């Protein structure tokens, strides 16, 4: 027996198939729209996370920069205070040298006593003594200046080393600052 489909069912069957196909297509489009919405939501969440991370990192960098500036200022203040102390010490040594110069000048002053027989020999001794006194005073002054230069350079080197430590600490990996 041969099975035949009545002719009036064909148009309805085709319509039903088309409706089913369209419904399936609509379901598939709806599913894709949901997937697209989820993807957009994931992208938005990732952008929000990145923005939050960037903001947190910028705040961290700001804190590191502020700590570095404070450390740098403290180092500079300590250097200036040590420099003032160094200058006071240098002035004190200069005063000591001046007193030494005056004492030597007084000691080597031409002090002729009446009754000394060889005036020329006394004059030569006095001249030599005055020259030795001037040389001693100049030597003491040179030593004082040299000490001041060495102390100042030592202080400057210490300041530079402290600056290097501060800069290295500021450039250290971020995890050290958290």
Foldseek 3Di string as FASTA:
>chain_A
DDDDDDPVCVVVVVVVVVVVVVVVVVVVVVVVVVVVVVVVVVVVVVVVVVVVVVVVVVVLLVVLVVVLVVLLVVLVVVLVVVLVVLVVVLVVLVVVLVVQLVVLCVVLPLDDDPPDDDPVVSVVVSVVSNVVSVVVSVVSNVVSVVVSVVVNVVSVVVSVVSNVVSVCVSVDDSVVRD
